[in-house]
């Protein structure tokens, strides 16, 4: 393909040569903010609606480039790292050969050639041949783990042959020469066309949080449902910090400064024809309705780095979330016997791990549809006090539908 212009779009870093478009697109402005903050994102260079290169920006100013051929197959991956001021070294260059389209789809190469370059210009070229398994449906791990032969060549070469300029944001012409490695010929001057999505309305907003706990009927994706708020106990706070976390992974919880004392915890159950689930969980600190809601952030999190509808939230890997004092710990034995096994019952939605008074307790509950990430909202009064904290498991949309 001969090209004189490249279409440029941006998205979340997706680390896969199997796709042709951004699964999570973002605006140019958001990508620029991520670049300035050293946060990962991806750039897609296309021509005539065909992908030519996917470029990923990694932390510590590292880059990875996936190159596509005329069939839109990703045939090459290049890892670049800082070498000297303003320069990048193509440290590793991996090429694949595939026997057919299905083999490419499943990553089952016939030949994989990897060129590795050291900082002083020592080059190693390693060729792995898949052997007699050919295009069999075995896993790519099996395929790559037992090559029939691994020829290796080693030699020295001028390091300049493997250097390129480290781009400033938007200077994607830097990567245009790499496209020639897949047979794409560029004009003397390459024009970049921004085809990224609009900025949008920004991060997820706290809309309709109060409705999550309003009893009655509502509509869901699965049809009509009934909202049933239930009280599940009193949470004891002794340190002045509420922690919201998966009880199995509490090393880095999401925390909120709150008053000392005991406070009621409420779950919002959503009952449908398929059963009941926990739609939201709330701990209430003041009998004053919140005047505003804010996303509960860690100190290193920046709302300006979130795309439309995105959020920072509590990560769940055990299907369970919990409210607890930030000083509370959980032993391995307690996880299974006192939390996970009781919550495995269809009729039990929460469980309390008591603490010997005046020590703090813990209240755990099922997390919506299970593992994932869920927004945590802090409701504040007019004078800035925390009225309540809510985890929304997103079984309903923000407007109550």
Protein backbone atom coordinates (compact mmCIF):
# COMPACT_ATOMS: atom_id res chain seq x y z
CA UNK A 1 0.00 0.00 0.00
CA UNK A 2 1.24 3.49 -0.90
CA UNK A 3 -0.05 6.22 1.39
CA UNK A 4 0.33 9.99 1.65
CA UNK A 5 -1.90 10.47 4.67
CA UNK A 6 -2.71 8.59 7.85
CA UNK A 7 -5.92 8.64 9.85
CA UNK A 8 -5.17 8.94 13.57
CA UNK A 9 -7.48 7.76 16.35
CA UNK A 10 -6.99 7.06 20.04
CA UNK A 11 -8.20 4.53 22.58
CA UNK A 12 -7.42 2.55 25.68
CA UNK A 13 -4.35 0.35 25.42
CA UNK A 14 -5.68 -3.03 24.28
CA UNK A 15 -2.49 -5.04 23.70
CA UNK A 16 -3.86 -7.28 20.96
CA UNK A 17 -3.06 -7.60 17.28
CA UNK A 18 -6.38 -9.35 16.61
CA UNK A 19 -8.51 -6.22 16.46
CA UNK A 20 -8.74 -3.49 13.84
CA UNK A 21 -10.47 -0.69 15.75
CA UNK A 22 -10.33 0.68 19.26
CA UNK A 23 -12.65 -1.29 21.54
CA UNK A 24 -12.67 1.74 23.89
CA UNK A 25 -12.08 4.90 21.80
CA UNK A 26 -11.08 8.21 23.36
CA UNK A 27 -10.71 11.83 22.31
CA UNK A 28 -7.43 13.35 21.25
CA UNK A 29 -7.60 15.72 24.23
CA UNK A 30 -7.91 12.84 26.69
CA UNK A 31 -5.05 10.95 25.05
CA UNK A 32 -2.90 14.10 25.34
CA UNK A 33 -3.68 14.36 29.05
CA UNK A 34 -2.76 10.70 29.53
CA UNK A 35 0.49 11.24 27.65
CA UNK A 36 1.41 14.22 29.82
CA UNK A 37 0.64 12.21 32.96
CA UNK A 38 2.61 9.17 31.79
CA UNK A 39 -0.53 7.02 31.66
CA UNK A 40 -0.97 4.33 28.99
CA UNK A 41 -3.12 4.79 25.88
CA UNK A 42 -3.06 3.65 22.25
CA UNK A 43 -2.83 5.33 18.84
CA UNK A 44 -4.17 3.68 15.68
CA UNK A 45 -2.71 4.73 12.32
CA UNK A 46 -4.93 3.77 9.38
CA UNK A 47 -5.19 4.43 5.67
CA UNK A 48 -8.23 3.80 3.46
CA UNK A 49 -10.06 2.35 6.48
CA UNK A 50 -7.38 -0.30 6.95
CA UNK A 51 -5.14 -0.46 10.03
CA UNK A 52 -1.43 -0.01 9.42
CA UNK A 53 -0.05 0.35 12.94
CA UNK A 54 -1.30 0.25 16.51
CA UNK A 55 1.02 2.18 18.82
CA UNK A 56 0.80 1.74 22.58
CA UNK A 57 2.30 4.23 25.02
CA UNK A 58 3.38 2.50 28.21
CA UNK A 59 4.53 3.90 31.56
CA UNK A 60 8.21 4.85 31.87
CA UNK A 61 8.14 6.24 28.29
CA UNK A 62 8.06 2.80 26.68
CA UNK A 63 6.31 2.16 23.36
CA UNK A 64 5.01 -0.91 21.56
CA UNK A 65 4.14 -0.92 17.85
CA UNK A 66 1.98 -3.56 16.13
CA UNK A 67 2.30 -3.57 12.33
CA UNK A 68 -0.40 -4.81 9.91
CA UNK A 69 0.01 -6.10 6.36
CA UNK A 70 -2.27 -5.50 3.35
CA UNK A 71 -4.70 -8.14 4.64
CA UNK A 72 -5.05 -6.23 7.92
CA UNK A 73 -3.25 -9.08 9.67
CA UNK A 74 -0.91 -8.07 12.46
CA UNK A 75 2.41 -9.60 11.44
CA UNK A 76 4.92 -7.79 13.62
CA UNK A 77 5.44 -6.34 17.12
CA UNK A 78 8.22 -3.89 18.03
CA UNK A 79 9.09 -2.87 21.60
CA UNK A 80 10.91 0.45 22.02
CA UNK A 81 12.50 1.86 25.16
CA UNK A 82 14.38 5.10 25.96
CA UNK A 83 18.02 4.88 24.91
CA UNK A 84 19.47 8.39 25.09
CA UNK A 85 17.91 11.86 25.44
CA UNK A 86 15.14 12.13 22.84
CA UNK A 87 15.84 8.72 21.30
CA UNK A 88 14.18 5.29 21.41
CA UNK A 89 15.81 1.90 20.84
CA UNK A 90 13.91 -0.84 19.00
CA UNK A 91 14.92 -3.36 21.62
CA UNK A 92 12.79 -6.26 20.40
CA UNK A 93 11.25 -6.90 16.99
CA UNK A 94 9.04 -9.98 16.57
CA UNK A 95 7.69 -11.18 13.21
CA UNK A 96 5.22 -13.99 12.54
CA UNK A 97 4.30 -16.18 9.60
CA UNK A 98 0.84 -17.77 9.57
CA UNK A 99 -0.35 -20.57 7.29
CA UNK A 100 -3.91 -19.28 6.94
CA UNK A 101 -6.47 -16.83 8.30
CA UNK A 102 -7.77 -19.16 11.01
CA UNK A 103 -4.25 -19.73 12.31
CA UNK A 104 -3.71 -15.97 12.43
CA UNK A 105 -6.99 -15.51 14.29
CA UNK A 106 -5.84 -17.91 17.02
CA UNK A 107 -2.21 -16.76 17.05
CA UNK A 108 -0.89 -20.11 15.75
CA UNK A 109 2.19 -19.11 13.81
CA UNK A 110 4.36 -21.34 11.64
CA UNK A 111 7.47 -19.20 12.19
CA UNK A 112 8.29 -16.59 14.82
CA UNK A 113 11.46 -14.56 14.36
CA UNK A 114 12.59 -12.32 17.22
CA UNK A 115 15.39 -9.77 16.89
CA UNK A 116 16.76 -8.48 20.19
CA UNK A 117 19.16 -5.53 20.37
CA UNK A 118 21.25 -4.52 23.39
CA UNK A 119 22.13 -0.94 24.24
CA UNK A 120 25.62 -1.37 22.79
CA UNK A 121 24.52 -2.79 19.43
CA UNK A 122 24.76 -6.53 20.05
CA UNK A 123 22.06 -8.26 18.00
CA UNK A 124 20.50 -11.69 18.46
CA UNK A 125 18.08 -13.14 15.90
CA UNK A 126 16.13 -16.19 17.08
CA UNK A 127 13.88 -18.14 14.68
CA UNK A 128 11.32 -20.55 16.12
CA UNK A 129 9.63 -23.05 13.82
CA UNK A 130 6.36 -24.53 15.02
CA UNK A 131 7.03 -27.99 13.62
CA UNK A 132 4.56 -30.72 12.59
CA UNK A 133 1.56 -29.38 14.50
CA UNK A 134 0.90 -26.85 11.74
CA UNK A 135 -2.51 -25.21 11.95
CA UNK A 136 -3.84 -27.57 14.62
CA UNK A 137 -6.34 -26.19 17.14
CA UNK A 138 -3.88 -26.55 20.05
CA UNK A 139 -3.38 -23.52 22.29
CA UNK A 140 -0.83 -20.88 21.30
CA UNK A 141 0.99 -21.68 24.56
CA UNK A 142 1.40 -25.30 23.47
CA UNK A 143 2.41 -24.15 20.02
CA UNK A 144 5.08 -21.76 21.23
CA UNK A 145 6.40 -23.90 24.05
CA UNK A 146 7.76 -26.73 21.92
CA UNK A 147 9.41 -25.48 18.71
CA UNK A 148 11.13 -28.11 16.62
CA UNK A 149 14.21 -25.92 16.11
CA UNK A 150 15.48 -22.56 17.34
CA UNK A 151 18.24 -21.23 15.07
CA UNK A 152 20.10 -18.28 16.62
CA UNK A 153 22.32 -15.71 14.92
CA UNK A 154 24.42 -13.16 16.83
CA UNK A 155 26.34 -10.19 15.48
CA UNK A 156 27.26 -6.57 16.19
CA UNK A 157 25.87 -3.62 14.24
CA UNK A 158 25.83 0.20 14.58
CA UNK A 159 23.26 1.04 17.23
CA UNK A 160 22.00 3.93 15.07
CA UNK A 161 20.32 1.38 12.80
CA UNK A 162 17.85 0.65 15.62
CA UNK A 163 17.18 4.16 16.92
CA UNK A 164 14.32 6.56 16.26
CA UNK A 165 13.22 9.85 17.78
CA UNK A 166 10.98 9.70 20.84
CA UNK A 167 7.78 11.45 19.71
CA UNK A 168 6.10 14.35 21.36
CA UNK A 169 2.36 13.84 21.55
CA UNK A 170 0.90 14.02 18.04
CA UNK A 171 4.26 13.55 16.29
CA UNK A 172 3.21 10.18 14.87
CA UNK A 173 5.20 10.63 11.63
CA UNK A 174 8.07 9.24 13.73
CA UNK A 175 6.55 5.79 13.33
CA UNK A 176 5.81 6.05 9.59
CA UNK A 177 9.17 4.47 8.56
CA UNK A 178 8.26 1.32 10.47
CA UNK A 179 5.33 0.77 8.10
CA UNK A 180 7.77 -0.06 5.29
CA UNK A 181 8.64 -3.26 7.17
CA UNK A 182 5.21 -4.55 6.11
CA UNK A 183 5.49 -3.27 2.55
CA UNK A 184 3.67 0.05 2.98
CA UNK A 185 5.34 2.85 1.01
CA UNK A 186 4.92 6.43 2.24
CA UNK A 187 5.00 9.66 0.28
CA UNK A 188 7.74 12.21 0.95
CA UNK A 189 5.36 14.06 3.25
CA UNK A 190 2.79 12.23 5.35
CA UNK A 191 -0.32 14.16 6.42
CA UNK A 192 -2.01 13.15 9.69
CA UNK A 193 -5.82 13.35 9.86
CA UNK A 194 -7.40 13.33 13.31
CA UNK A 195 -10.45 11.03 13.22
CA UNK A 196 -10.75 10.51 16.96
CA UNK A 197 -14.03 10.66 18.88
CA UNK A 198 -15.33 13.82 20.53
CA UNK A 199 -14.47 14.63 24.13
CA UNK A 200 -17.96 13.66 25.27
CA UNK A 201 -19.54 14.43 28.62
CA UNK A 202 -16.63 13.23 30.74
CA UNK A 203 -16.44 10.70 33.57
CA UNK A 204 -19.42 8.83 35.00
CA UNK A 205 -21.76 11.09 36.94
CA UNK A 206 -23.70 10.28 40.09
CA UNK A 207 -27.23 10.46 38.72
CA UNK A 208 -30.17 8.86 40.46
CA UNK A 209 -28.19 7.40 43.37
CA UNK A 210 -31.06 8.04 45.81
CA UNK A 211 -33.42 6.06 43.54
CA UNK A 212 -31.32 2.95 44.06
CA UNK A 213 -32.78 2.69 47.57
CA UNK A 214 -36.36 3.73 46.82
CA UNK A 215 -38.67 0.71 47.26
CA UNK A 216 -41.04 -0.17 44.47
CA UNK A 217 -41.02 -1.40 40.89
CA UNK A 218 -38.59 -0.42 38.16
CA UNK A 219 -37.46 -1.55 34.72
CA UNK A 220 -34.18 -3.35 34.05
CA UNK A 221 -32.52 -4.99 31.06
CA UNK A 222 -34.15 -8.24 32.18
CA UNK A 223 -37.62 -6.72 32.45
CA UNK A 224 -39.65 -5.48 35.43
CA UNK A 225 -38.02 -5.68 38.87
CA UNK A 226 -38.77 -4.84 42.47
CA UNK A 227 -36.43 -2.74 44.60
CA UNK A 228 -36.25 -3.91 48.22
CA UNK A 229 -33.97 -2.01 50.66
CA UNK A 230 -32.89 -4.11 53.66
CA UNK A 231 -30.92 -3.16 56.77
CA UNK A 232 -28.03 -5.54 57.40
CA UNK A 233 -26.35 -4.22 60.55
CA UNK A 234 -24.33 -1.48 62.17
CA UNK A 235 -20.78 -0.75 61.04
CA UNK A 236 -18.34 0.31 63.76
CA UNK A 237 -15.73 2.91 62.78
CA UNK A 238 -12.88 3.48 65.24
CA UNK A 239 -10.12 5.06 63.12
CA UNK A 240 -12.08 7.80 61.34
CA UNK A 241 -11.53 6.09 57.95
CA UNK A 242 -14.09 3.97 56.13
CA UNK A 243 -12.59 1.40 53.75
CA UNK A 244 -14.46 -0.04 50.76
CA UNK A 245 -12.82 -3.15 49.37
CA UNK A 246 -13.05 -6.72 48.25
CA UNK A 247 -12.51 -8.47 51.62
CA UNK A 248 -10.12 -10.87 49.94
CA UNK A 249 -7.88 -8.04 48.71
CA UNK A 250 -7.71 -5.21 51.25
CA UNK A 251 -4.08 -4.13 50.88
CA UNK A 252 -5.05 -0.95 48.99
CA UNK A 253 -8.69 -0.12 49.84
CA UNK A 254 -10.65 2.90 48.73
CA UNK A 255 -11.05 5.07 51.85
CA UNK A 256 -13.17 8.01 53.03
CA UNK A 257 -12.71 10.15 56.16
CA UNK A 258 -15.85 9.69 58.28
CA UNK A 259 -17.00 10.19 61.91
CA UNK A 260 -16.31 7.70 64.69
CA UNK A 261 -19.18 5.53 65.91
CA UNK A 262 -21.66 2.92 64.67
CA UNK A 263 -23.60 3.49 61.48
CA UNK A 264 -26.36 1.58 59.63
CA UNK A 265 -25.61 -0.38 56.46
CA UNK A 266 -28.38 -0.82 53.89
CA UNK A 267 -28.48 -3.05 50.82
CA UNK A 268 -30.73 -2.42 47.84
CA UNK A 269 -31.95 -5.76 46.54
CA UNK A 270 -33.19 -5.97 42.98
CA UNK A 271 -35.63 -8.85 42.51
CA UNK A 272 -36.40 -10.04 38.99
CA UNK A 273 -37.96 -13.20 37.56
CA UNK A 274 -34.46 -14.70 37.52
CA UNK A 275 -33.77 -14.06 41.20
CA UNK A 276 -32.42 -11.33 43.44
CA UNK A 277 -29.14 -9.46 43.44
CA UNK A 278 -27.50 -6.64 45.38
CA UNK A 279 -27.91 -3.50 43.27
CA UNK A 280 -26.22 -1.13 45.73
CA UNK A 281 -24.84 -0.90 49.26
CA UNK A 282 -24.90 2.16 51.52
CA UNK A 283 -23.50 3.14 54.90
CA UNK A 284 -25.19 6.23 56.39
CA UNK A 285 -23.31 8.64 58.69
CA UNK A 286 -25.76 11.57 58.96
CA UNK A 287 -29.54 11.82 58.77
CA UNK A 288 -29.12 14.68 56.33
CA UNK A 289 -29.75 14.16 52.60
CA UNK A 290 -26.58 14.74 50.54
CA UNK A 291 -26.50 17.91 48.48
CA UNK A 292 -23.84 16.63 46.10
CA UNK A 293 -22.12 13.38 45.16
CA UNK A 294 -18.46 12.89 44.42
CA UNK A 295 -16.55 9.91 43.11
CA UNK A 296 -14.43 8.41 45.88
CA UNK A 297 -10.84 8.70 44.66
CA UNK A 298 -7.43 7.57 45.81
CA UNK A 299 -4.80 10.34 46.14
CA UNK A 300 -3.12 9.40 42.85
CA UNK A 301 -6.31 9.32 40.77
CA UNK A 302 -7.23 12.16 38.40
CA UNK A 303 -10.74 12.59 37.00
CA UNK A 304 -9.20 14.39 34.03
CA UNK A 305 -7.74 11.07 32.85
CA UNK A 306 -11.13 9.38 32.54
CA UNK A 307 -13.05 9.10 29.29
CA UNK A 308 -16.79 9.40 28.78
CA UNK A 309 -18.70 7.31 31.31
CA UNK A 310 -15.54 5.92 32.92
CA UNK A 311 -14.87 5.79 36.65
CA UNK A 312 -12.40 4.77 39.32
CA UNK A 313 -14.01 2.18 41.54
CA UNK A 314 -13.64 -0.71 43.92
CA UNK A 315 -12.21 -3.79 42.26
CA UNK A 316 -13.91 -7.11 43.02
CA UNK A 317 -12.21 -10.46 42.38
CA UNK A 318 -14.13 -12.70 44.80
CA UNK A 319 -17.68 -11.69 43.90
CA UNK A 320 -17.84 -9.89 47.25
CA UNK A 321 -17.38 -6.34 48.53
CA UNK A 322 -17.32 -4.95 52.07
CA UNK A 323 -17.52 -1.88 54.26
CA UNK A 324 -15.00 -1.86 57.10
CA UNK A 325 -12.84 0.36 59.25
CA UNK A 326 -9.52 1.04 57.52
CA UNK A 327 -7.69 -0.62 60.44
CA UNK A 328 -9.68 -3.84 60.16
CA UNK A 329 -7.86 -6.95 58.90
CA UNK A 330 -9.14 -10.33 57.71
CA UNK A 331 -7.34 -13.65 58.09
CA UNK A 332 -7.27 -16.32 55.42
CA UNK A 333 -9.38 -18.67 57.53
CA UNK A 334 -12.08 -16.04 58.02
CA UNK A 335 -12.48 -15.50 54.27
CA UNK A 336 -13.84 -18.94 53.48
CA UNK A 337 -15.53 -19.93 56.73
CA UNK A 338 -17.05 -16.59 57.72
CA UNK A 339 -17.60 -14.74 54.41
CA UNK A 340 -17.55 -16.72 51.18
CA UNK A 341 -19.32 -19.90 52.33
CA UNK A 342 -22.21 -18.05 54.05
CA UNK A 343 -22.67 -15.74 51.06
CA UNK A 344 -22.82 -18.74 48.74
CA UNK A 345 -26.33 -19.35 50.02
CA UNK A 346 -29.11 -18.11 47.72
CA UNK A 347 -30.93 -16.57 50.67
CA UNK A 348 -28.03 -14.68 52.28
CA UNK A 349 -26.86 -11.39 50.81
CA UNK A 350 -24.59 -10.08 53.57
CA UNK A 351 -22.53 -11.27 56.51
CA UNK A 352 -20.93 -9.52 59.49
CA UNK A 353 -17.47 -10.28 60.83
CA UNK A 354 -17.81 -9.01 64.40
CA UNK A 355 -14.98 -7.36 66.25
CA UNK A 356 -14.51 -7.59 69.99
CA UNK A 357 -15.74 -4.25 71.26
CA UNK A 358 -14.47 -1.61 70.91
CA UNK A 359 -12.67 -3.12 67.89
CA UNK A 360 -14.21 -2.49 64.44
CA UNK A 361 -16.37 -5.05 62.67
CA UNK A 362 -16.80 -5.71 58.93
CA UNK A 363 -19.93 -6.10 56.82
CA UNK A 364 -19.51 -7.96 53.54
CA UNK A 365 -22.10 -8.44 50.81
CA UNK A 366 -22.50 -9.90 47.37
CA UNK A 367 -21.25 -7.63 44.60
CA UNK A 368 -23.92 -7.16 41.94
CA UNK A 369 -23.18 -9.53 39.09
CA UNK A 370 -19.85 -10.60 40.57
CA UNK A 371 -16.27 -9.71 39.69
CA UNK A 372 -15.50 -6.37 38.10
CA UNK A 373 -15.12 -2.74 39.12
CA UNK A 374 -17.90 -0.62 40.63
CA UNK A 375 -18.15 3.12 41.36
CA UNK A 376 -18.10 4.33 44.97
CA UNK A 377 -19.91 7.60 45.66
CA UNK A 378 -19.57 9.87 48.70
CA UNK A 379 -22.65 11.97 49.39
CA UNK A 380 -21.82 15.28 51.09
CA UNK A 381 -23.95 17.82 52.90
CA UNK A 382 -23.99 21.51 52.05
CA UNK A 383 -21.14 22.13 54.51
CA UNK A 384 -19.01 19.28 53.10
CA UNK A 385 -19.65 16.56 55.68
CA UNK A 386 -19.97 12.95 54.51
CA UNK A 387 -23.63 11.99 54.77
CA UNK A 388 -23.32 8.51 53.27
CA UNK A 389 -21.16 6.32 51.04
CA UNK A 390 -22.71 4.18 48.30
CA UNK A 391 -21.37 1.39 46.11
CA UNK A 392 -23.40 1.15 42.89
CA UNK A 393 -23.27 -2.33 41.35
CA UNK A 394 -24.82 -1.00 38.16
CA UNK A 395 -27.69 -3.43 37.83
CA UNK A 396 -29.79 -0.38 36.96
CA UNK A 397 -28.91 2.61 34.80
CA UNK A 398 -28.33 6.02 36.35
CA UNK A 399 -31.86 7.19 35.54
CA UNK A 400 -33.40 4.23 37.32
CA UNK A 401 -34.09 2.15 34.19
